[in-house]
Amino acid sequence: MTIGRTGHSKGCEKAEKPPCACACGGAEHGWQEGLAIAAAPSDAPLREFAQAADQAWDQAAKEAADSTARRRKPWQQKEKGQQAAVRAFVADVVRWLRRDQDLYGAAERLGEPFRISRDKDPEDPRRRFTPEEDERFVESHVIPRLRREFGDQRIDAFQQHARNAHFWCELLAQTARALDEFRTRYDQAKQAVVTALTSIGEQRPDGWAALLPERVVIRRAVELVFEQLPRAATGGVAVEDAFRLVWPARVLAVLMCREPRRHPAVLEYCVKPITREGSAQVREQVKDRLRQAFPATWPAPPGSVPGAPGG
């Protein structure tokens, strides 16, 4: 079959928050724009992104303060504040990618298998790809492989639920957790991701129950992702190389999700470790915003007063 861009929009690649409404089911949501900003020739796109996040936070804080004054309740951030805090955090993640070219390269390689279709040849947009080129694309990309193995109708239905349930960023977040926890034990790490995604015992994004009848597809999706991990790590095939992808997986999950306020695994396994990692250099101002936006789940800094702004 010939691979086209039908069903996927550039708007999805630039999206700042869910829901995703195209055929990628969330797998291409947001992250390509984050990488593009990180790779831009100048700092201007990143400055614009960060400034927009600051403005959104200021507006959310003003609305929250006004609401507090009217209702005489403690100051707290709601949905807009949470979104603005996450956006500022994403800006710092993009800044980290821009600063660390090794991290950027690994995140880019890790993202590639999640694409649903090939782009046109930039040298000749009218060129038709050969069957051999299309076959190589399908072999190295997860969702096209699923379509070949399970059929378009079944995967179309799966993707409808996947976009609502944050399936692909959940898969990445659980992959980051498993790679970090099992270290060198590849098969155990892979099985841990399968178990996490097919069980009902843990907190999952809304809509996850609709995915569980397709446990066979979920298991195969995990297998295909893990098949590509060594190549994403170094371009090689040694499975132990995959364990270098803990941080790129966390970064890609954050860029793909953009809404960890509704996604516990991304918040716990990706956002929190990144804020604690010194090389990420997340600004203290951004950490304060996250603590204010997520007071029930974000740890206060040592010596702070619980419930105080910034604590």
C-alpha atoms as a PDB file:
ATOM      1  CA  MET A   1       0.000   0.000   0.000  1.00  0.00           C
ATOM      2  CA  THR A   2       1.072   3.591  -0.539  1.00  0.00           C
ATOM      3  CA  ILE A   3       1.478   5.610   2.617  1.00  0.00           C
ATOM      4  CA  GLY A   4       0.003   9.126   2.629  1.00  0.00           C
ATOM      5  CA  ARG A   5      -0.812  11.818   5.174  1.00  0.00           C
ATOM      6  CA  THR A   6      -4.582  11.260   4.945  1.00  0.00           C
ATOM      7  CA  GLY A   7      -6.320  11.536   8.311  1.00  0.00           C
ATOM      8  CA  HIS A   8      -3.539  13.411  10.092  1.00  0.00           C
ATOM      9  CA  SER A   9      -3.259  17.180  10.376  1.00  0.00           C
ATOM     10  CA  LYS A  10      -0.334  19.476  10.993  1.00  0.00           C
ATOM     11  CA  GLY A  11      -2.499  21.087  13.671  1.00  0.00           C
ATOM     12  CA  CYS A  12      -2.195  17.882  15.704  1.00  0.00           C
ATOM     13  CA  GLU A  13       1.588  18.067  15.550  1.00  0.00           C
ATOM     14  CA  LYS A  14       1.419  21.617  16.949  1.00  0.00           C
ATOM     15  CA  ALA A  15      -1.375  20.969  19.453  1.00  0.00           C
ATOM     16  CA  GLU A  16      -0.861  22.288  22.965  1.00  0.00           C
ATOM     17  CA  LYS A  17      -3.417  20.108  24.694  1.00  0.00           C
ATOM     18  CA  PRO A  18      -5.789  17.179  23.983  1.00  0.00           C
ATOM     19  CA  PRO A  19      -8.135  16.003  22.702  1.00  0.00           C
ATOM     20  CA  CYS A  20      -6.627  14.668  19.496  1.00  0.00           C
ATOM     21  CA  ALA A  21      -9.148  14.269  16.703  1.00  0.00           C
ATOM     22  CA  CYS A  22      -7.134  12.717  13.890  1.00  0.00           C
ATOM     23  CA  ALA A  23      -6.096   9.242  12.782  1.00  0.00           C
ATOM     24  CA  CYS A  24      -2.866   9.204  14.779  1.00  0.00           C
ATOM     25  CA  GLY A  25      -4.894   8.552  17.933  1.00  0.00           C
ATOM     26  CA  GLY A  26      -2.599  10.907  19.845  1.00  0.00           C
ATOM     27  CA  ALA A  27       0.651   9.239  18.732  1.00  0.00           C
ATOM     28  CA  GLU A  28       1.793  12.321  16.791  1.00  0.00           C
ATOM     29  CA  HIS A  29       0.126  14.795  19.099  1.00  0.00           C
ATOM     30  CA  GLY A  30       2.185  17.857  19.984  1.00  0.00           C
ATOM     31  CA  TRP A  31       5.691  16.411  20.082  1.00  0.00           C
ATOM     32  CA  GLN A  32       6.852  17.245  16.570  1.00  0.00           C
ATOM     33  CA  GLU A  33       6.253  20.939  17.152  1.00  0.00           C
ATOM     34  CA  GLY A  34       8.202  20.731  20.413  1.00  0.00           C
ATOM     35  CA  LEU A  35      11.138  19.223  18.571  1.00  0.00           C
ATOM     36  CA  ALA A  36      10.830  21.827  15.810  1.00  0.00           C
ATOM     37  CA  ILE A  37      11.053  24.652  18.349  1.00  0.00           C
ATOM     38  CA  ALA A  38      14.071  23.002  19.957  1.00  0.00           C
ATOM     39  CA  ALA A  39      15.791  22.734  16.570  1.00  0.00           C
ATOM     40  CA  ALA A  40      14.856  26.197  15.273  1.00  0.00           C
ATOM     41  CA  PRO A  41      17.713  28.362  13.920  1.00  0.00           C
ATOM     42  CA  SER A  42      17.029  31.059  16.527  1.00  0.00           C
ATOM     43  CA  ASP A  43      15.690  31.250  20.078  1.00  0.00           C
ATOM     44  CA  ALA A  44      12.689  33.309  18.959  1.00  0.00           C
ATOM     45  CA  PRO A  45      10.123  30.451  18.728  1.00  0.00           C
ATOM     46  CA  LEU A  46      11.077  29.209  22.202  1.00  0.00           C
ATOM     47  CA  ARG A  47      10.860  32.730  23.662  1.00  0.00           C
ATOM     48  CA  GLU A  48       7.405  33.154  22.135  1.00  0.00           C
ATOM     49  CA  PHE A  49       6.275  29.808  23.517  1.00  0.00           C
ATOM     50  CA  ALA A  50       7.573  30.614  27.016  1.00  0.00           C
ATOM     51  CA  GLN A  51       6.094  34.122  26.964  1.00  0.00           C
ATOM     52  CA  ALA A  52       2.689  32.734  26.001  1.00  0.00           C
ATOM     53  CA  ALA A  53       2.925  30.331  28.948  1.00  0.00           C
ATOM     54  CA  ASP A  54       3.797  33.213  31.303  1.00  0.00           C
ATOM     55  CA  GLN A  55       0.860  35.260  30.059  1.00  0.00           C
ATOM     56  CA  ALA A  56      -1.505  32.311  30.472  1.00  0.00           C
ATOM     57  CA  TRP A  57      -0.269  31.810  34.047  1.00  0.00           C
ATOM     58  CA  ASP A  58      -0.680  35.486  34.922  1.00  0.00           C
ATOM     59  CA  GLN A  59      -4.225  35.468  33.564  1.00  0.00           C
ATOM     60  CA  ALA A  60      -5.104  32.260  35.426  1.00  0.00           C
ATOM     61  CA  ALA A  61      -3.641  33.645  38.660  1.00  0.00           C
ATOM     62  CA  LYS A  62      -5.673  36.838  38.285  1.00  0.00           C
ATOM     63  CA  GLU A  63      -8.882  34.872  37.711  1.00  0.00           C
ATOM     64  CA  ALA A  64      -8.142  32.635  40.697  1.00  0.00           C
ATOM     65  CA  ALA A  65      -7.437  35.649  42.915  1.00  0.00           C
ATOM     66  CA  ASP A  66     -10.653  37.333  41.801  1.00  0.00           C
ATOM     67  CA  SER A  67     -12.582  34.162  42.553  1.00  0.00           C
ATOM     68  CA  THR A  68     -10.975  33.937  45.997  1.00  0.00           C
ATOM     69  CA  ALA A  69     -11.957  37.516  46.771  1.00  0.00           C
ATOM     70  CA  ARG A  70     -15.568  36.844  45.828  1.00  0.00           C
ATOM     71  CA  ARG A  71     -15.926  33.520  47.632  1.00  0.00           C
ATOM     72  CA  ARG A  72     -13.488  34.095  50.504  1.00  0.00           C
ATOM     73  CA  LYS A  73     -11.898  30.698  49.887  1.00  0.00           C
ATOM     74  CA  PRO A  74      -8.169  29.867  49.874  1.00  0.00           C
ATOM     75  CA  TRP A  75      -6.300  30.801  46.691  1.00  0.00           C
ATOM     76  CA  GLN A  76      -5.868  27.834  44.353  1.00  0.00           C
ATOM     77  CA  GLN A  77      -5.346  27.133  40.694  1.00  0.00           C
ATOM     78  CA  LYS A  78      -7.909  25.302  38.645  1.00  0.00           C
ATOM     79  CA  GLU A  79      -7.847  24.007  35.072  1.00  0.00           C
ATOM     80  CA  LYS A  80      -6.445  27.121  33.386  1.00  0.00           C
ATOM     81  CA  GLY A  81      -3.697  27.451  35.960  1.00  0.00           C
ATOM     82  CA  GLN A  82      -2.776  23.786  35.633  1.00  0.00           C
ATOM     83  CA  GLN A  83      -2.594  24.088  31.858  1.00  0.00           C
ATOM     84  CA  ALA A  84      -0.474  27.242  32.111  1.00  0.00           C
ATOM     85  CA  ALA A  85       1.891  25.640  34.639  1.00  0.00           C
ATOM     86  CA  VAL A  86       2.353  22.621  32.395  1.00  0.00           C
ATOM     87  CA  ARG A  87       2.947  24.851  29.394  1.00  0.00           C
ATOM     88  CA  ALA A  88       5.727  26.679  31.237  1.00  0.00           C
ATOM     89  CA  PHE A  89       7.188  23.303  32.205  1.00  0.00           C
ATOM     90  CA  VAL A  90       7.055  22.157  28.563  1.00  0.00           C
ATOM     91  CA  ALA A  91       8.935  25.311  27.585  1.00  0.00           C
ATOM     92  CA  ASP A  92      11.715  24.314  29.977  1.00  0.00           C
ATOM     93  CA  VAL A  93      11.726  20.792  28.516  1.00  0.00           C
ATOM     94  CA  VAL A  94      12.083  22.233  25.012  1.00  0.00           C
ATOM     95  CA  ARG A  95      14.879  24.470  26.297  1.00  0.00           C
ATOM     96  CA  TRP A  96      16.587  21.332  27.664  1.00  0.00           C
ATOM     97  CA  LEU A  97      16.263  19.647  24.255  1.00  0.00           C
ATOM     98  CA  ARG A  98      17.726  22.709  22.586  1.00  0.00           C
ATOM     99  CA  ARG A  99      20.676  22.684  24.979  1.00  0.00           C
ATOM    100  CA  ASP A 100      21.335  18.916  24.916  1.00  0.00           C
ATOM    101  CA  GLN A 101      21.741  17.661  21.366  1.00  0.00           C
ATOM    102  CA  ASP A 102      22.178  14.039  22.451  1.00  0.00           C
ATOM    103  CA  LEU A 103      18.847  14.151  24.245  1.00  0.00           C
ATOM    104  CA  TYR A 104      17.249  15.846  21.252  1.00  0.00           C
ATOM    105  CA  GLY A 105      18.562  13.212  18.845  1.00  0.00           C
ATOM    106  CA  ALA A 106      17.373  10.328  21.001  1.00  0.00           C
ATOM    107  CA  ALA A 107      13.906  11.892  21.457  1.00  0.00           C
ATOM    108  CA  GLU A 108      13.625  12.454  17.716  1.00  0.00           C
ATOM    109  CA  ARG A 109      14.601   8.853  16.956  1.00  0.00           C
ATOM    110  CA  LEU A 110      12.221   7.559  19.632  1.00  0.00           C
ATOM    111  CA  GLY A 111       9.352   9.592  18.186  1.00  0.00           C
ATOM    112  CA  GLU A 112       9.854   8.386  14.629  1.00  0.00           C
ATOM    113  CA  PRO A 113       8.205   4.923  15.045  1.00  0.00           C
ATOM    114  CA  PHE A 114       5.060   6.632  16.372  1.00  0.00           C
ATOM    115  CA  ARG A 115       4.398   8.430  13.099  1.00  0.00           C
ATOM    116  CA  ILE A 116       1.432   7.060  11.167  1.00  0.00           C
ATOM    117  CA  SER A 117       2.520   7.956   7.652  1.00  0.00           C
ATOM    118  CA  ARG A 118       5.500   9.187   5.733  1.00  0.00           C
ATOM    119  CA  ASP A 119       5.933  12.803   4.725  1.00  0.00           C
ATOM    120  CA  LYS A 120       6.310  13.744   1.101  1.00  0.00           C
ATOM    121  CA  ASP A 121       9.787  13.809  -0.333  1.00  0.00           C
ATOM    122  CA  PRO A 122      10.964  17.392   0.387  1.00  0.00           C
ATOM    123  CA  GLU A 123      13.085  17.314  -2.770  1.00  0.00           C
ATOM    124  CA  ASP A 124      10.184  16.209  -4.963  1.00  0.00           C
ATOM    125  CA  PRO A 125       6.726  16.381  -3.281  1.00  0.00           C
ATOM    126  CA  ARG A 126       5.084  14.782  -6.336  1.00  0.00           C
ATOM    127  CA  ARG A 127       7.258  11.666  -6.259  1.00  0.00           C
ATOM    128  CA  ARG A 128       5.459   8.418  -5.571  1.00  0.00           C
ATOM    129  CA  PHE A 129       7.235   6.082  -3.189  1.00  0.00           C
ATOM    130  CA  THR A 130       8.028   2.597  -4.373  1.00  0.00           C
ATOM    131  CA  PRO A 131       6.382  -0.478  -2.821  1.00  0.00           C
ATOM    132  CA  GLU A 132       9.749  -1.370  -1.310  1.00  0.00           C
ATOM    133  CA  GLU A 133      10.031   2.052   0.359  1.00  0.00           C
ATOM    134  CA  ASP A 134       6.502   1.776   1.691  1.00  0.00           C
ATOM    135  CA  GLU A 135       7.218  -1.700   3.046  1.00  0.00           C
ATOM    136  CA  ARG A 136      10.299  -0.440   4.883  1.00  0.00           C
ATOM    137  CA  PHE A 137       8.206   2.350   6.385  1.00  0.00           C
ATOM    138  CA  VAL A 138       5.535  -0.069   7.605  1.00  0.00           C
ATOM    139  CA  GLU A 139       8.149  -2.382   9.117  1.00  0.00           C
ATOM    140  CA  SER A 140       9.670   0.397  11.215  1.00  0.00           C
ATOM    141  CA  HIS A 141       6.488   2.213  12.339  1.00  0.00           C
ATOM    142  CA  VAL A 142       4.155   0.903  15.015  1.00  0.00           C
ATOM    143  CA  ILE A 143       0.678   1.952  13.876  1.00  0.00           C
ATOM    144  CA  PRO A 144       1.150   1.013  10.200  1.00  0.00           C
ATOM    145  CA  ARG A 145       2.345  -2.408  11.424  1.00  0.00           C
ATOM    146  CA  LEU A 146      -0.746  -2.752  13.590  1.00  0.00           C
ATOM    147  CA  ARG A 147      -2.915  -1.880  10.606  1.00  0.00           C
ATOM    148  CA  ARG A 148      -1.243  -4.526   8.478  1.00  0.00           C
ATOM    149  CA  GLU A 149      -1.590  -7.186  11.174  1.00  0.00           C
ATOM    150  CA  PHE A 150      -5.081  -6.404  12.504  1.00  0.00           C
ATOM    151  CA  GLY A 151      -6.747  -4.536   9.637  1.00  0.00           C
ATOM    152  CA  ASP A 152      -7.799  -0.923   9.208  1.00  0.00           C
ATOM    153  CA  GLN A 153     -11.274  -1.315  10.695  1.00  0.00           C
ATOM    154  CA  ARG A 154     -10.049  -2.791  13.966  1.00  0.00           C
ATOM    155  CA  ILE A 155      -7.231  -0.273  14.391  1.00  0.00           C
ATOM    156  CA  ASP A 156      -9.496   2.640  13.447  1.00  0.00           C
ATOM    157  CA  ALA A 157     -11.790   1.625  16.316  1.00  0.00           C
ATOM    158  CA  PHE A 158      -8.810   1.168  18.640  1.00  0.00           C
ATOM    159  CA  GLN A 159      -7.416   4.589  17.746  1.00  0.00           C
ATOM    160  CA  GLN A 160     -10.726   6.284  18.516  1.00  0.00           C
ATOM    161  CA  HIS A 161     -10.491   5.007  22.072  1.00  0.00           C
ATOM    162  CA  ALA A 162      -6.714   5.582  22.194  1.00  0.00           C
ATOM    163  CA  ARG A 163      -7.007   9.305  21.535  1.00  0.00           C
ATOM    164  CA  ASN A 164      -9.529   9.735  24.335  1.00  0.00           C
ATOM    165  CA  ALA A 165      -7.629   7.569  26.814  1.00  0.00           C
ATOM    166  CA  HIS A 166      -4.123   8.987  26.207  1.00  0.00           C
ATOM    167  CA  PHE A 167      -2.975   5.495  25.192  1.00  0.00           C
ATOM    168  CA  TRP A 168       0.250   6.376  23.391  1.00  0.00           C
ATOM    169  CA  CYS A 169       1.608   8.784  26.000  1.00  0.00           C
ATOM    170  CA  GLU A 170       0.598   6.258  28.690  1.00  0.00           C
ATOM    171  CA  LEU A 171       2.615   3.641  26.810  1.00  0.00           C
ATOM    172  CA  LEU A 172       5.623   5.988  26.759  1.00  0.00           C
ATOM    173  CA  ALA A 173       5.290   6.892  30.437  1.00  0.00           C
ATOM    174  CA  GLN A 174       5.044   3.230  31.435  1.00  0.00           C
ATOM    175  CA  THR A 175       8.013   2.432  29.184  1.00  0.00           C
ATOM    176  CA  ALA A 176      10.094   5.101  30.927  1.00  0.00           C
ATOM    177  CA  ARG A 177       9.090   3.661  34.325  1.00  0.00           C
ATOM    178  CA  ALA A 178       9.915   0.087  33.292  1.00  0.00           C
ATOM    179  CA  LEU A 179      13.270   0.969  31.714  1.00  0.00           C
ATOM    180  CA  ASP A 180      14.227   2.864  34.859  1.00  0.00           C
ATOM    181  CA  GLU A 181      13.065   0.120  37.215  1.00  0.00           C
ATOM    182  CA  PHE A 182      14.335  -3.037  35.499  1.00  0.00           C
ATOM    183  CA  ARG A 183      17.692  -1.842  34.093  1.00  0.00           C
ATOM    184  CA  THR A 184      19.142  -4.380  31.600  1.00  0.00           C
ATOM    185  CA  ARG A 185      16.273  -6.867  32.113  1.00  0.00           C
ATOM    186  CA  TYR A 186      14.640  -6.159  28.775  1.00  0.00           C
ATOM    187  CA  ASP A 187      11.957  -8.836  28.653  1.00  0.00           C
ATOM    188  CA  GLN A 188      10.870  -8.042  32.204  1.00  0.00           C
ATOM    189  CA  ALA A 189      10.639  -4.357  31.364  1.00  0.00           C
ATOM    190  CA  LYS A 190       8.512  -5.120  28.305  1.00  0.00           C
ATOM    191  CA  GLN A 191       6.211  -7.426  30.261  1.00  0.00           C
ATOM    192  CA  ALA A 192       5.849  -4.793  32.983  1.00  0.00           C
ATOM    193  CA  VAL A 193       4.534  -2.332  30.392  1.00  0.00           C
ATOM    194  CA  VAL A 194       2.110  -4.913  28.996  1.00  0.00           C
ATOM    195  CA  THR A 195       0.863  -5.700  32.497  1.00  0.00           C
ATOM    196  CA  ALA A 196       0.417  -2.030  33.350  1.00  0.00           C
ATOM    197  CA  LEU A 197      -1.530  -1.274  30.176  1.00  0.00           C
ATOM    198  CA  THR A 198      -3.808  -4.315  30.346  1.00  0.00           C
ATOM    199  CA  SER A 199      -4.689  -4.212  34.046  1.00  0.00           C
ATOM    200  CA  ILE A 200      -7.458  -2.334  35.797  1.00  0.00           C
ATOM    201  CA  GLY A 201      -5.869  -2.098  39.219  1.00  0.00           C
ATOM    202  CA  GLU A 202      -4.087   1.226  38.725  1.00  0.00           C
ATOM    203  CA  GLN A 203      -5.295   4.718  38.009  1.00  0.00           C
ATOM    204  CA  ARG A 204      -5.548   5.355  34.275  1.00  0.00           C
ATOM    205  CA  PRO A 205      -6.828   8.247  32.182  1.00  0.00           C
ATOM    206  CA  ASP A 206     -10.578   8.478  31.614  1.00  0.00           C
ATOM    207  CA  GLY A 207     -11.757   6.109  28.902  1.00  0.00           C
ATOM    208  CA  TRP A 208      -9.156   3.410  29.548  1.00  0.00           C
ATOM    209  CA  ALA A 209     -11.758   0.706  30.152  1.00  0.00           C
ATOM    210  CA  ALA A 210     -12.868   0.987  26.522  1.00  0.00           C
ATOM    211  CA  LEU A 211      -9.383  -0.142  25.421  1.00  0.00           C
ATOM    212  CA  LEU A 212      -9.169  -3.259  27.581  1.00  0.00           C
ATOM    213  CA  PRO A 213     -11.181  -5.569  25.277  1.00  0.00           C
ATOM    214  CA  GLU A 214      -8.301  -5.094  22.810  1.00  0.00           C
ATOM    215  CA  ARG A 215      -5.591  -6.519  25.050  1.00  0.00           C
ATOM    216  CA  VAL A 216      -4.147  -8.394  22.061  1.00  0.00           C
ATOM    217  CA  VAL A 217      -3.626  -5.118  20.188  1.00  0.00           C
ATOM    218  CA  ILE A 218      -2.186  -3.465  23.296  1.00  0.00           C
ATOM    219  CA  ARG A 219       0.311  -6.276  23.812  1.00  0.00           C
ATOM    220  CA  ARG A 220       1.351  -6.134  20.173  1.00  0.00           C
ATOM    221  CA  ALA A 221       1.748  -2.353  20.301  1.00  0.00           C
ATOM    222  CA  VAL A 222       4.120  -2.713  23.259  1.00  0.00           C
ATOM    223  CA  GLU A 223       6.085  -5.434  21.462  1.00  0.00           C
ATOM    224  CA  LEU A 224       6.464  -3.243  18.375  1.00  0.00           C
ATOM    225  CA  VAL A 225       7.601  -0.247  20.418  1.00  0.00           C
ATOM    226  CA  PHE A 226      10.170  -2.364  22.252  1.00  0.00           C
ATOM    227  CA  GLU A 227      11.307  -3.768  18.906  1.00  0.00           C
ATOM    228  CA  GLN A 228      12.237  -0.225  17.862  1.00  0.00           C
ATOM    229  CA  LEU A 229      13.829   0.946  21.133  1.00  0.00           C
ATOM    230  CA  PRO A 230      17.395  -0.240  20.481  1.00  0.00           C
ATOM    231  CA  ARG A 231      17.426   1.550  17.120  1.00  0.00           C
ATOM    232  CA  ALA A 232      16.095   4.694  18.737  1.00  0.00           C
ATOM    233  CA  ALA A 233      18.807   4.558  21.373  1.00  0.00           C
ATOM    234  CA  THR A 234      21.873   4.278  19.193  1.00  0.00           C
ATOM    235  CA  GLY A 235      20.795   3.190  15.756  1.00  0.00           C
ATOM    236  CA  GLY A 236      21.873  -0.340  16.685  1.00  0.00           C
ATOM    237  CA  VAL A 237      20.087  -3.539  17.632  1.00  0.00           C
ATOM    238  CA  ALA A 238      21.522  -4.462  21.060  1.00  0.00           C
ATOM    239  CA  VAL A 239      18.600  -4.579  23.499  1.00  0.00           C
ATOM    240  CA  GLU A 240      20.682  -3.223  26.385  1.00  0.00           C
ATOM    241  CA  ASP A 241      20.972   0.051  24.468  1.00  0.00           C
ATOM    242  CA  ALA A 242      17.260   0.642  25.026  1.00  0.00           C
ATOM    243  CA  PHE A 243      17.873   1.427  28.690  1.00  0.00           C
ATOM    244  CA  ARG A 244      19.513   4.686  27.617  1.00  0.00           C
ATOM    245  CA  LEU A 245      16.068   5.942  26.629  1.00  0.00           C
ATOM    246  CA  VAL A 246      14.619   6.602  30.071  1.00  0.00           C
ATOM    247  CA  TRP A 247      14.972  10.390  29.765  1.00  0.00           C
ATOM    248  CA  PRO A 248      14.046  10.632  26.066  1.00  0.00           C
ATOM    249  CA  ALA A 249      10.914   8.562  26.796  1.00  0.00           C
ATOM    250  CA  ARG A 250       9.972  10.901  29.642  1.00  0.00           C
ATOM    251  CA  VAL A 251      10.514  13.936  27.443  1.00  0.00           C
ATOM    252  CA  LEU A 252       8.536  12.535  24.519  1.00  0.00           C
ATOM    253  CA  ALA A 253       5.642  11.523  26.785  1.00  0.00           C
ATOM    254  CA  VAL A 254       5.451  15.077  28.153  1.00  0.00           C
ATOM    255  CA  LEU A 255       5.520  16.617  24.679  1.00  0.00           C
ATOM    256  CA  MET A 256       2.942  14.147  23.414  1.00  0.00           C
ATOM    257  CA  CYS A 257       0.560  14.448  26.356  1.00  0.00           C
ATOM    258  CA  ARG A 258       0.491  18.163  27.251  1.00  0.00           C
ATOM    259  CA  GLU A 259      -2.212  17.372  29.845  1.00  0.00           C
ATOM    260  CA  PRO A 260      -0.630  15.503  32.771  1.00  0.00           C
ATOM    261  CA  ARG A 261      -3.192  17.089  35.084  1.00  0.00           C
ATOM    262  CA  ARG A 262      -5.505  14.339  33.804  1.00  0.00           C
ATOM    263  CA  HIS A 263      -2.804  11.730  33.299  1.00  0.00           C
ATOM    264  CA  PRO A 264      -1.297  10.324  36.512  1.00  0.00           C
ATOM    265  CA  ALA A 265       1.431   8.225  34.856  1.00  0.00           C
ATOM    266  CA  VAL A 266       2.850  11.148  32.866  1.00  0.00           C
ATOM    267  CA  LEU A 267       2.781  13.348  35.962  1.00  0.00           C
ATOM    268  CA  GLU A 268       4.389  10.744  38.234  1.00  0.00           C
ATOM    269  CA  TYR A 269       6.862   9.012  35.921  1.00  0.00           C
ATOM    270  CA  CYS A 270       7.813  11.902  33.638  1.00  0.00           C
ATOM    271  CA  VAL A 271       7.041  15.406  34.919  1.00  0.00           C
ATOM    272  CA  LYS A 272       8.230  14.840  38.485  1.00  0.00           C
ATOM    273  CA  PRO A 273      11.538  13.139  37.609  1.00  0.00           C
ATOM    274  CA  ILE A 274      12.325  15.837  35.050  1.00  0.00           C
ATOM    275  CA  THR A 275      11.804  18.603  37.609  1.00  0.00           C
ATOM    276  CA  ARG A 276      14.149  16.799  40.000  1.00  0.00           C
ATOM    277  CA  GLU A 277      16.871  16.170  37.409  1.00  0.00           C
ATOM    278  CA  GLY A 278      19.547  18.848  37.606  1.00  0.00           C
ATOM    279  CA  SER A 279      20.477  18.663  33.933  1.00  0.00           C
ATOM    280  CA  ALA A 280      16.902  19.549  32.980  1.00  0.00           C
ATOM    281  CA  GLN A 281      17.359  22.907  34.754  1.00  0.00           C
ATOM    282  CA  VAL A 282      13.635  23.439  35.329  1.00  0.00           C
ATOM    283  CA  ARG A 283      13.335  26.950  36.716  1.00  0.00           C
ATOM    284  CA  GLU A 284      12.328  27.398  40.350  1.00  0.00           C
ATOM    285  CA  GLN A 285       9.556  29.698  39.163  1.00  0.00           C
ATOM    286  CA  VAL A 286       8.127  26.848  37.088  1.00  0.00           C
ATOM    287  CA  LYS A 287       8.444  24.409  39.995  1.00  0.00           C
ATOM    288  CA  ASP A 288       6.512  26.872  42.153  1.00  0.00           C
ATOM    289  CA  ARG A 289       3.774  27.038  39.542  1.00  0.00           C
ATOM    290  CA  LEU A 290       3.530  23.259  39.428  1.00  0.00           C
ATOM    291  CA  ARG A 291       3.254  23.096  43.224  1.00  0.00           C
ATOM    292  CA  GLN A 292       0.511  25.720  43.196  1.00  0.00           C
ATOM    293  CA  ALA A 293      -1.322  24.086  40.306  1.00  0.00           C
ATOM    294  CA  PHE A 294      -1.125  20.529  41.711  1.00  0.00           C
ATOM    295  CA  PRO A 295      -1.142  20.967  45.528  1.00  0.00           C
ATOM    296  CA  ALA A 296      -2.607  17.516  46.192  1.00  0.00           C
ATOM    297  CA  THR A 297       0.071  15.622  44.309  1.00  0.00           C
ATOM    298  CA  TRP A 298       3.169  17.843  44.207  1.00  0.00           C
ATOM    299  CA  PRO A 299       5.622  17.677  47.100  1.00  0.00           C
ATOM    300  CA  ALA A 300       6.395  20.946  48.834  1.00  0.00           C
ATOM    301  CA  PRO A 301      10.054  21.989  49.028  1.00  0.00           C
ATOM    302  CA  PRO A 302      11.900  21.344  52.338  1.00  0.00           C
ATOM    303  CA  GLY A 303      11.141  23.922  54.979  1.00  0.00           C
ATOM    304  CA  SER A 304       8.085  25.348  53.223  1.00  0.00           C
ATOM    305  CA  VAL A 305       4.735  25.998  54.894  1.00  0.00           C
ATOM    306  CA  PRO A 306       2.032  23.628  53.569  1.00  0.00           C
ATOM    307  CA  GLY A 307      -0.618  25.495  51.597  1.00  0.00           C
ATOM    308  CA  ALA A 308       1.436  28.656  51.197  1.00  0.00           C
ATOM    309  CA  PRO A 309       1.863  30.082  47.692  1.00  0.00           C
ATOM    310  CA  GLY A 310       4.848  28.371  46.129  1.00  0.00           C
ATOM    311  CA  GLY A 311       4.824  25.637  48.791  1.00  0.00           C
END
